Amino acid sequence: MYDVLAVREDFPVLREVIYLDSAATTQTPVQVVAAMNDYFYKYAGNHGRGAHRLAREATNHYEDARENVAKFLNVDPTKTIFTKNATESINMVAHGLEWTSGDHIVTTLIEHHSNLLPWIRLRKLGVEVTIIEPDTNGMIVPKDVENAMTDRTCLVAVTHVSNVLGSITDVSKITKIAHRGGSKILVDGSQSAGHMPVDVGALDCDFFATPGHKGLLGPQGTGVLYVREPDILEPTYLGGGTVHAVTTNGFELEPSPARFEAGTPNLPGVIGLGRAVEYVQEIGTEDIERHETSLARDAASRLEELPSVEVYGPAKRAAVVPFNVVGLNPHDVAMILDETKKICVRSGYHCAMPSLGFLGVEGAVRASFGLYSTQEEVDIFIDTVAQITSLVA
């Protein structure tokens, strides 16, 4: 097991606050910031757009980052596409596949809006969308996915870990079900990649989307889309870097991944992401998962013992704990936590309104944990919530 206190030295902001909002964005280690600074200070140039030494070095570092990310996910680098976030990655799939009226998509009620709205919008094209509900614990039952599929099902789109409930979906089993039914599958790994071991190659899904700024510890504005068969996906954007040849009569696209990365990319961000993935690997995702889930499950168990506190999600949860203090607005609870103890949590709909509707609430407070979170922080958090409950006792 890694030394959490030593790890915290790489995150200076943690000296100032108790940060329990890692499901929204993780903090970025100093090593990643240093790698980004090296780009700006030592070799800033454009990617693939010059023969001079700075352009060559910038391109090499960018492609090294692709190799790092692909190795981390256990996938082919040529099928590993850099985007600005998981939202863009998912929308690229929605826009890039060819749809016909009567096609069918299966997704779930516990999805982040980013893995729900793109599919709902396809109803304008005559695509049918089935949204299956979780069980009472917020878990997606693979058999329900299978039962929802038809002979027109083209895509199953599921989250690996719910950003609201912390429930972990059996994406391996659902991938097998989707393929057995002749459907492709997209897995939203926003809350799993970096937080737990994820072998995308072994999973054998058709699409895997994840942002750089969550479990991977990278900067905002970075994301990854893995595409198992790049030729089936039409590029959403066209422009510089995507083409091999252009005439006034047409153009010839570059092979993947270049055909999907139009324009000047976020070079410093991607280079930082490459270093961030190395950082995560050095610590080890198995140890990270063990640490984060231990804290989350302890926090959930202790919250449940407090009067006037409702805790949501399964007992066997990932590093996410949603709750409410009965009688108080979740935003007020979050503000009290911040103003009294500098505890940073998320409150509201969490970009997943159907999930909150399933819970029968209009919002929730969410504490989420990172590899740098400590037991002492959990203790302070629980004690502070206990004090808040006295306001409504």
Foldseek 3Di string as FASTA:
>chain_A
DDDLVVQCVQAVCVVPFQEQALLVFDAAGPVLVVLLVCCVPPQPDFDPPDDDDSNVVLNVLLLLLLVLVCVQQVHDSLQKAKFQWLLVQQLLQLVFADDAAPAEEEEEQLDFLSQPVSQVVCVVRNYHYHYYYAPQQRENDLVVVLVPDDLRYAEYEYEQARSAFQYGYPLLSNCVSQVVSVYAYEYEDAPPRLQARHHNVVSPGQKYKYALGHNLSFDRRIIIIGGPDVVNTQAPDDAPQQFDDDDPVGTHGDRGPRNNDHDGGPSSRSSSSSVSSVVSVVVDNHVSFVVQQVLQLVLQVLQVPAPQKDWGHDSNGTQKIKIDRPPDAQVVVQVQCCVPRNYHWDKFCSSNVSVVVSVVDRMTIMGGDGSSRDNVSSVVVSVSVNVVSVVVD
